[in-house]
Amino acid sequence: MPLPVLAMIGPVADLAKSILDKIWPPQADPNLKAQAEAQLAIMLEQRENSVVNAQREIMVAEMNQGDSYTKRARPTLVYAGLFFIFLVHVVFPMVSWFTKNQLPALVLPDDFWWAWGSVVAIWSLGRTVERRGTEGRIGALAGAITGK
């Protein structure tokens, strides 16, 4: 659910004021400073709205495209990680045992485990919440995670 416009005006106006407080000369006309704050707040608000609209359009375009692979990208990462784990910890040791040759020790790097574990944890959490049919913000978050 998007924030009401009035709730967003405060932080934008505060940001505009803090920027101008740092760069505005103290001896300048306070009326000009107030006008500049208002104009800067409007420009920052327009920029924020354009960024949010662009993000929304990208997500809608991804979900509405005919290629369903984009919708399955997260499970593909999970299955690819499982394949690499299976390859390094099952297939290569079996090949080494059957051929009686000592293969170099293969170890998946820590970065793989952190990245793959994070993807799996977030995706499985999102799928769990999605299956329970949670509504509201948590349901929206689960939809963003799972691509629904």
N, C-alpha and C. Protein backbone atom coordinates (compact mmCIF):
# COMPACT_ATOMS: atom_id res chain seq x y z
N MET A 1 0.85 -1.18 0.00
CA MET A 1 0.00 0.00 0.00
C MET A 1 0.89 1.23 0.00
N PRO A 2 0.71 2.14 -0.99
CA PRO A 2 1.56 3.33 -1.02
C PRO A 2 1.26 4.27 0.13
N LEU A 3 2.29 4.99 0.53
CA LEU A 3 2.12 5.96 1.61
C LEU A 3 1.23 7.10 1.14
N PRO A 4 0.43 7.65 2.02
CA PRO A 4 -0.34 8.83 1.64
C PRO A 4 0.61 9.97 1.29
N VAL A 5 0.15 10.83 0.41
CA VAL A 5 0.99 11.93 -0.06
C VAL A 5 1.45 12.81 1.10
N LEU A 6 0.57 13.06 2.05
CA LEU A 6 0.93 13.93 3.17
C LEU A 6 2.03 13.32 4.02
N ALA A 7 2.07 12.00 4.12
CA ALA A 7 3.12 11.36 4.90
C ALA A 7 4.47 11.47 4.21
N MET A 8 4.46 11.60 2.88
CA MET A 8 5.71 11.68 2.13
C MET A 8 6.24 13.11 2.06
N ILE A 9 5.39 14.09 2.20
CA ILE A 9 5.80 15.48 2.07
C ILE A 9 6.78 15.87 3.17
N GLY A 10 6.56 15.42 4.39
CA GLY A 10 7.43 15.77 5.51
C GLY A 10 8.88 15.41 5.27
N PRO A 11 9.20 14.14 4.97
CA PRO A 11 10.60 13.79 4.74
C PRO A 11 11.22 14.52 3.56
N VAL A 12 10.46 14.73 2.50
CA VAL A 12 11.00 15.43 1.34
C VAL A 12 11.30 16.88 1.69
N ALA A 13 10.38 17.53 2.41
CA ALA A 13 10.60 18.92 2.82
C ALA A 13 11.78 19.02 3.78
N ASP A 14 11.92 18.04 4.67
CA ASP A 14 13.06 18.04 5.59
C ASP A 14 14.38 17.89 4.84
N LEU A 15 14.38 17.03 3.82
CA LEU A 15 15.58 16.85 3.02
C LEU A 15 15.93 18.14 2.27
N ALA A 16 14.92 18.76 1.68
CA ALA A 16 15.16 20.02 0.96
C ALA A 16 15.70 21.09 1.91
N LYS A 17 15.13 21.18 3.10
CA LYS A 17 15.58 22.18 4.08
C LYS A 17 17.02 21.90 4.51
N SER A 18 17.35 20.63 4.76
CA SER A 18 18.72 20.32 5.20
C SER A 18 19.74 20.60 4.10
N ILE A 19 19.35 20.36 2.85
CA ILE A 19 20.28 20.66 1.75
C ILE A 19 20.52 22.16 1.66
N LEU A 20 19.44 22.92 1.70
CA LEU A 20 19.59 24.37 1.57
C LEU A 20 20.26 24.99 2.79
N ASP A 21 20.07 24.42 3.97
CA ASP A 21 20.75 24.94 5.16
C ASP A 21 22.27 24.84 5.01
N LYS A 22 22.73 23.84 4.28
CA LYS A 22 24.17 23.65 4.12
C LYS A 22 24.77 24.55 3.05
N ILE A 23 23.99 24.86 2.02
CA ILE A 23 24.58 25.61 0.90
C ILE A 23 24.10 27.07 0.81
N TRP A 24 23.04 27.42 1.52
CA TRP A 24 22.48 28.77 1.41
C TRP A 24 23.30 29.74 2.25
N PRO A 25 23.69 30.86 1.66
CA PRO A 25 24.46 31.84 2.44
C PRO A 25 23.60 32.46 3.55
N PRO A 26 24.16 32.65 4.75
CA PRO A 26 23.38 33.16 5.88
C PRO A 26 22.86 34.59 5.65
N GLN A 27 23.57 35.40 4.88
CA GLN A 27 23.15 36.79 4.69
C GLN A 27 22.09 36.93 3.60
N ALA A 28 21.70 35.85 2.93
CA ALA A 28 20.73 35.92 1.83
C ALA A 28 19.32 36.14 2.38
N ASP A 29 18.45 36.57 1.49
CA ASP A 29 17.06 36.87 1.82
C ASP A 29 16.34 35.58 2.26
N PRO A 30 15.70 35.57 3.45
CA PRO A 30 15.00 34.37 3.92
C PRO A 30 13.81 34.01 3.04
N ASN A 31 13.18 34.99 2.39
CA ASN A 31 12.05 34.69 1.50
C ASN A 31 12.51 33.88 0.29
N LEU A 32 13.68 34.25 -0.25
CA LEU A 32 14.23 33.49 -1.37
C LEU A 32 14.57 32.07 -0.96
N LYS A 33 15.09 31.93 0.26
CA LYS A 33 15.41 30.60 0.77
C LYS A 33 14.15 29.75 0.90
N ALA A 34 13.07 30.33 1.40
CA ALA A 34 11.81 29.61 1.54
C ALA A 34 11.28 29.18 0.17
N GLN A 35 11.38 30.06 -0.82
CA GLN A 35 10.94 29.71 -2.17
C GLN A 35 11.80 28.58 -2.74
N ALA A 36 13.11 28.66 -2.52
CA ALA A 36 14.01 27.62 -3.01
C ALA A 36 13.72 26.28 -2.33
N GLU A 37 13.41 26.31 -1.02
CA GLU A 37 13.05 25.07 -0.31
C GLU A 37 11.81 24.45 -0.92
N ALA A 38 10.80 25.28 -1.21
CA ALA A 38 9.56 24.77 -1.79
C ALA A 38 9.81 24.17 -3.17
N GLN A 39 10.61 24.87 -4.00
CA GLN A 39 10.90 24.36 -5.34
C GLN A 39 11.72 23.07 -5.28
N LEU A 40 12.70 23.03 -4.38
CA LEU A 40 13.52 21.82 -4.24
C LEU A 40 12.69 20.66 -3.73
N ALA A 41 11.78 20.92 -2.79
CA ALA A 41 10.91 19.86 -2.28
C ALA A 41 10.04 19.31 -3.41
N ILE A 42 9.53 20.19 -4.26
CA ILE A 42 8.71 19.74 -5.39
C ILE A 42 9.53 18.90 -6.36
N MET A 43 10.76 19.34 -6.64
CA MET A 43 11.62 18.59 -7.55
C MET A 43 11.98 17.21 -6.97
N LEU A 44 12.29 17.16 -5.67
CA LEU A 44 12.60 15.88 -5.03
C LEU A 44 11.39 14.94 -5.03
N GLU A 45 10.22 15.50 -4.79
CA GLU A 45 8.99 14.70 -4.80
C GLU A 45 8.72 14.14 -6.20
N GLN A 46 8.91 14.96 -7.23
CA GLN A 46 8.71 14.50 -8.60
C GLN A 46 9.70 13.40 -8.95
N ARG A 47 10.94 13.57 -8.51
CA ARG A 47 11.95 12.54 -8.77
C ARG A 47 11.58 11.23 -8.08
N GLU A 48 11.17 11.32 -6.82
CA GLU A 48 10.78 10.12 -6.07
C GLU A 48 9.59 9.43 -6.74
N ASN A 49 8.62 10.22 -7.18
CA ASN A 49 7.45 9.64 -7.86
C ASN A 49 7.85 8.96 -9.17
N SER A 50 8.78 9.57 -9.91
CA SER A 50 9.19 8.95 -11.17
C SER A 50 9.95 7.65 -10.93
N VAL A 51 10.76 7.59 -9.88
CA VAL A 51 11.48 6.35 -9.55
C VAL A 51 10.48 5.26 -9.14
N VAL A 52 9.52 5.58 -8.30
CA VAL A 52 8.53 4.60 -7.86
C VAL A 52 7.70 4.12 -9.05
N ASN A 53 7.30 5.04 -9.91
CA ASN A 53 6.51 4.65 -11.09
C ASN A 53 7.31 3.76 -12.02
N ALA A 54 8.60 4.06 -12.20
CA ALA A 54 9.45 3.23 -13.05
C ALA A 54 9.59 1.82 -12.47
N GLN A 55 9.78 1.73 -11.15
CA GLN A 55 9.87 0.42 -10.51
C GLN A 55 8.58 -0.37 -10.69
N ARG A 56 7.46 0.31 -10.52
CA ARG A 56 6.16 -0.34 -10.67
C ARG A 56 5.99 -0.85 -12.11
N GLU A 57 6.34 -0.02 -13.09
CA GLU A 57 6.20 -0.41 -14.49
C GLU A 57 7.08 -1.61 -14.84
N ILE A 58 8.29 -1.64 -14.28
CA ILE A 58 9.19 -2.76 -14.54
C ILE A 58 8.61 -4.05 -13.96
N MET A 59 8.11 -3.99 -12.72
CA MET A 59 7.54 -5.19 -12.11
C MET A 59 6.31 -5.67 -12.87
N VAL A 60 5.45 -4.75 -13.28
CA VAL A 60 4.25 -5.12 -14.03
C VAL A 60 4.65 -5.72 -15.37
N ALA A 61 5.63 -5.13 -16.04
CA ALA A 61 6.08 -5.66 -17.33
C ALA A 61 6.67 -7.06 -17.18
N GLU A 62 7.43 -7.30 -16.12
CA GLU A 62 8.00 -8.63 -15.90
C GLU A 62 6.90 -9.67 -15.66
N MET A 63 5.89 -9.31 -14.91
CA MET A 63 4.83 -10.26 -14.60
C MET A 63 3.89 -10.49 -15.78
N ASN A 64 3.76 -9.51 -16.67
CA ASN A 64 2.82 -9.63 -17.78
C ASN A 64 3.46 -10.13 -19.06
N GLN A 65 4.76 -10.34 -19.06
CA GLN A 65 5.39 -10.79 -20.30
C GLN A 65 5.06 -12.25 -20.57
N GLY A 66 5.18 -12.63 -21.81
CA GLY A 66 4.84 -13.99 -22.21
C GLY A 66 5.86 -15.01 -21.74
N ASP A 67 7.10 -14.59 -21.51
CA ASP A 67 8.15 -15.52 -21.11
C ASP A 67 7.98 -15.86 -19.64
N SER A 68 7.60 -17.08 -19.38
CA SER A 68 7.37 -17.46 -17.99
C SER A 68 8.67 -17.81 -17.26
N TYR A 69 9.82 -17.85 -17.98
CA TYR A 69 11.07 -18.15 -17.31
C TYR A 69 11.42 -17.10 -16.27
N THR A 70 11.13 -15.84 -16.57
CA THR A 70 11.43 -14.78 -15.61
C THR A 70 10.69 -15.03 -14.31
N LYS A 71 9.50 -15.57 -14.40
CA LYS A 71 8.71 -15.86 -13.20
C LYS A 71 9.28 -17.06 -12.45
N ARG A 72 10.03 -17.91 -13.15
CA ARG A 72 10.62 -19.09 -12.52
C ARG A 72 12.09 -18.90 -12.18
N ALA A 73 12.61 -17.71 -12.27
CA ALA A 73 14.05 -17.49 -12.08
C ALA A 73 14.50 -17.86 -10.68
N ARG A 74 13.71 -17.54 -9.66
CA ARG A 74 14.12 -17.86 -8.30
C ARG A 74 14.22 -19.37 -8.07
N PRO A 75 13.22 -20.16 -8.47
CA PRO A 75 13.38 -21.61 -8.31
C PRO A 75 14.56 -22.15 -9.12
N THR A 76 14.84 -21.56 -10.26
CA THR A 76 15.98 -22.00 -11.06
C THR A 76 17.28 -21.81 -10.30
N LEU A 77 17.42 -20.68 -9.59
CA LEU A 77 18.61 -20.47 -8.77
C LEU A 77 18.73 -21.53 -7.69
N VAL A 78 17.61 -21.90 -7.10
CA VAL A 78 17.62 -22.92 -6.05
C VAL A 78 18.06 -24.26 -6.64
N TYR A 79 17.47 -24.64 -7.78
CA TYR A 79 17.80 -25.93 -8.38
C TYR A 79 19.24 -25.96 -8.93
N ALA A 80 19.71 -24.83 -9.46
CA ALA A 80 21.09 -24.77 -9.94
C ALA A 80 22.06 -24.95 -8.77
N GLY A 81 21.75 -24.33 -7.64
CA GLY A 81 22.59 -24.50 -6.45
C GLY A 81 22.61 -25.94 -5.99
N LEU A 82 21.44 -26.59 -5.99
CA LEU A 82 21.38 -28.01 -5.62
C LEU A 82 22.20 -28.86 -6.59
N PHE A 83 22.15 -28.52 -7.87
CA PHE A 83 22.94 -29.25 -8.87
C PHE A 83 24.44 -29.12 -8.58
N PHE A 84 24.91 -27.90 -8.29
CA PHE A 84 26.33 -27.71 -7.99
C PHE A 84 26.74 -28.47 -6.74
N ILE A 85 25.89 -28.45 -5.73
CA ILE A 85 26.19 -29.19 -4.50
C ILE A 85 26.27 -30.69 -4.80
N PHE A 86 25.31 -31.19 -5.56
CA PHE A 86 25.29 -32.61 -5.94
C PHE A 86 26.54 -32.96 -6.75
N LEU A 87 26.91 -32.09 -7.66
CA LEU A 87 28.07 -32.33 -8.50
C LEU A 87 29.36 -32.42 -7.67
N VAL A 88 29.57 -31.45 -6.78
CA VAL A 88 30.81 -31.39 -6.02
C VAL A 88 30.86 -32.46 -4.92
N HIS A 89 29.73 -32.73 -4.29
CA HIS A 89 29.75 -33.62 -3.12
C HIS A 89 29.32 -35.06 -3.41
N VAL A 90 28.77 -35.32 -4.61
CA VAL A 90 28.35 -36.69 -4.93
C VAL A 90 29.03 -37.19 -6.20
N VAL A 91 28.86 -36.49 -7.31
CA VAL A 91 29.35 -36.99 -8.59
C VAL A 91 30.87 -37.07 -8.63
N PHE A 92 31.55 -35.98 -8.29
CA PHE A 92 33.01 -35.99 -8.36
C PHE A 92 33.64 -37.00 -7.41
N PRO A 93 33.16 -37.13 -6.17
CA PRO A 93 33.72 -38.19 -5.32
C PRO A 93 33.47 -39.59 -5.88
N MET A 94 32.30 -39.81 -6.50
CA MET A 94 32.03 -41.13 -7.09
C MET A 94 32.95 -41.40 -8.28
N VAL A 95 33.17 -40.38 -9.11
CA VAL A 95 34.08 -40.53 -10.24
C VAL A 95 35.48 -40.86 -9.73
N SER A 96 35.90 -40.17 -8.69
CA SER A 96 37.21 -40.42 -8.10
C SER A 96 37.30 -41.84 -7.57
N TRP A 97 36.26 -42.32 -6.94
CA TRP A 97 36.27 -43.67 -6.36
C TRP A 97 36.28 -44.74 -7.43
N PHE A 98 35.44 -44.56 -8.48
CA PHE A 98 35.37 -45.56 -9.53
C PHE A 98 36.63 -45.60 -10.39
N THR A 99 37.24 -44.46 -10.65
CA THR A 99 38.43 -44.43 -11.50
C THR A 99 39.71 -44.65 -10.71
N LYS A 100 39.60 -44.66 -9.40
CA LYS A 100 40.76 -44.85 -8.51
C LYS A 100 41.81 -43.76 -8.72
N ASN A 101 41.38 -42.64 -9.27
CA ASN A 101 42.27 -41.49 -9.43
C ASN A 101 41.91 -40.46 -8.38
N GLN A 102 42.93 -39.83 -7.87
CA GLN A 102 42.70 -38.78 -6.89
C GLN A 102 42.42 -37.48 -7.62
N LEU A 103 41.19 -37.00 -7.54
CA LEU A 103 40.83 -35.72 -8.14
C LEU A 103 41.23 -34.60 -7.19
N PRO A 104 41.53 -33.43 -7.73
CA PRO A 104 41.81 -32.31 -6.82
C PRO A 104 40.60 -32.02 -5.94
N ALA A 105 40.86 -31.60 -4.75
CA ALA A 105 39.78 -31.32 -3.81
C ALA A 105 38.97 -30.13 -4.31
N LEU A 106 37.70 -30.33 -4.48
CA LEU A 106 36.81 -29.26 -4.91
C LEU A 106 35.95 -28.84 -3.74
N VAL A 107 35.89 -27.55 -3.53
CA VAL A 107 35.09 -27.01 -2.44
C VAL A 107 34.32 -25.81 -2.98
N LEU A 108 33.05 -25.78 -2.70
CA LEU A 108 32.26 -24.61 -3.08
C LEU A 108 32.66 -23.45 -2.18
N PRO A 109 32.88 -22.27 -2.76
CA PRO A 109 33.36 -21.13 -1.96
C PRO A 109 32.30 -20.64 -0.97
N ASP A 110 32.76 -19.96 0.06
CA ASP A 110 31.85 -19.41 1.07
C ASP A 110 30.85 -18.44 0.46
N ASP A 111 31.29 -17.69 -0.55
CA ASP A 111 30.35 -16.75 -1.20
C ASP A 111 29.16 -17.49 -1.82
N PHE A 112 29.42 -18.67 -2.39
CA PHE A 112 28.33 -19.46 -2.94
C PHE A 112 27.33 -19.82 -1.84
N TRP A 113 27.85 -20.31 -0.72
CA TRP A 113 26.96 -20.75 0.36
C TRP A 113 26.15 -19.59 0.91
N TRP A 114 26.77 -18.42 1.08
CA TRP A 114 26.04 -17.25 1.58
C TRP A 114 24.96 -16.81 0.60
N ALA A 115 25.33 -16.68 -0.67
CA ALA A 115 24.38 -16.20 -1.67
C ALA A 115 23.26 -17.22 -1.88
N TRP A 116 23.62 -18.48 -2.09
CA TRP A 116 22.61 -19.49 -2.35
C TRP A 116 21.73 -19.71 -1.12
N GLY A 117 22.32 -19.73 0.07
CA GLY A 117 21.54 -19.88 1.29
C GLY A 117 20.57 -18.73 1.50
N SER A 118 20.99 -17.52 1.18
CA SER A 118 20.10 -16.36 1.30
C SER A 118 18.93 -16.46 0.34
N VAL A 119 19.21 -16.83 -0.90
CA VAL A 119 18.13 -16.97 -1.90
C VAL A 119 17.14 -18.04 -1.46
N VAL A 120 17.65 -19.18 -1.02
CA VAL A 120 16.78 -20.27 -0.60
C VAL A 120 15.94 -19.86 0.62
N ALA A 121 16.57 -19.20 1.58
CA ALA A 121 15.84 -18.81 2.79
C ALA A 121 14.73 -17.81 2.47
N ILE A 122 15.04 -16.80 1.69
CA ILE A 122 14.04 -15.78 1.37
C ILE A 122 12.94 -16.37 0.51
N TRP A 123 13.31 -17.18 -0.48
CA TRP A 123 12.31 -17.76 -1.37
C TRP A 123 11.40 -18.72 -0.61
N SER A 124 11.97 -19.56 0.23
CA SER A 124 11.13 -20.52 0.96
C SER A 124 10.24 -19.81 1.98
N LEU A 125 10.75 -18.75 2.60
CA LEU A 125 9.91 -17.96 3.50
C LEU A 125 8.75 -17.33 2.74
N GLY A 126 9.04 -16.77 1.58
CA GLY A 126 7.98 -16.17 0.77
C GLY A 126 6.96 -17.19 0.32
N ARG A 127 7.40 -18.38 -0.07
CA ARG A 127 6.47 -19.43 -0.49
C ARG A 127 5.60 -19.89 0.69
N THR A 128 6.19 -19.98 1.88
CA THR A 128 5.42 -20.39 3.05
C THR A 128 4.33 -19.38 3.36
N VAL A 129 4.68 -18.11 3.35
CA VAL A 129 3.70 -17.06 3.63
C VAL A 129 2.64 -17.05 2.54
N GLU A 130 3.06 -17.23 1.30
CA GLU A 130 2.13 -17.23 0.18
C GLU A 130 1.13 -18.38 0.28
N ARG A 131 1.58 -19.54 0.67
CA ARG A 131 0.69 -20.70 0.78
C ARG A 131 -0.32 -20.54 1.90
N ARG A 132 0.05 -19.81 2.93
CA ARG A 132 -0.89 -19.59 4.03
C ARG A 132 -1.93 -18.54 3.69
N GLY A 133 -1.75 -17.85 2.57
CA GLY A 133 -2.74 -16.88 2.11
C GLY A 133 -2.77 -15.62 2.94
N THR A 134 -1.64 -15.19 3.44
CA THR A 134 -1.59 -13.99 4.24
C THR A 134 -1.91 -12.78 3.38
N GLU A 135 -2.77 -11.94 3.88
CA GLU A 135 -3.15 -10.73 3.16
C GLU A 135 -2.37 -9.54 3.70
N GLY A 136 -2.57 -8.39 3.10
CA GLY A 136 -1.97 -7.16 3.60
C GLY A 136 -0.53 -7.01 3.18
N ARG A 137 0.23 -6.33 4.01
CA ARG A 137 1.63 -6.02 3.68
C ARG A 137 2.48 -7.26 3.58
N ILE A 138 2.27 -8.22 4.47
CA ILE A 138 3.07 -9.44 4.43
C ILE A 138 2.77 -10.22 3.17
N GLY A 139 1.51 -10.27 2.78
CA GLY A 139 1.14 -10.93 1.52
C GLY A 139 1.74 -10.25 0.32
N ALA A 140 1.77 -8.93 0.33
CA ALA A 140 2.39 -8.17 -0.77
C ALA A 140 3.89 -8.44 -0.82
N LEU A 141 4.53 -8.52 0.35
CA LEU A 141 5.96 -8.83 0.41
C LEU A 141 6.22 -10.23 -0.11
N ALA A 142 5.37 -11.17 0.27
CA ALA A 142 5.53 -12.55 -0.21
C ALA A 142 5.36 -12.59 -1.72
N GLY A 143 4.42 -11.84 -2.24
CA GLY A 143 4.24 -11.78 -3.70
C GLY A 143 5.45 -11.21 -4.40
N ALA A 144 6.08 -10.22 -3.79
CA ALA A 144 7.30 -9.64 -4.38
C ALA A 144 8.44 -10.65 -4.36
N ILE A 145 8.53 -11.44 -3.29
CA ILE A 145 9.60 -12.41 -3.16
C ILE A 145 9.41 -13.55 -4.15
N THR A 146 8.19 -14.07 -4.25
CA THR A 146 7.94 -15.25 -5.07
C THR A 146 7.61 -14.92 -6.51
N GLY A 147 7.35 -13.66 -6.81
CA GLY A 147 7.06 -13.28 -8.19
C GLY A 147 5.61 -13.47 -8.58
N LYS A 148 4.73 -13.57 -7.62
CA LYS A 148 3.30 -13.74 -7.92
C LYS A 148 2.62 -12.41 -7.99
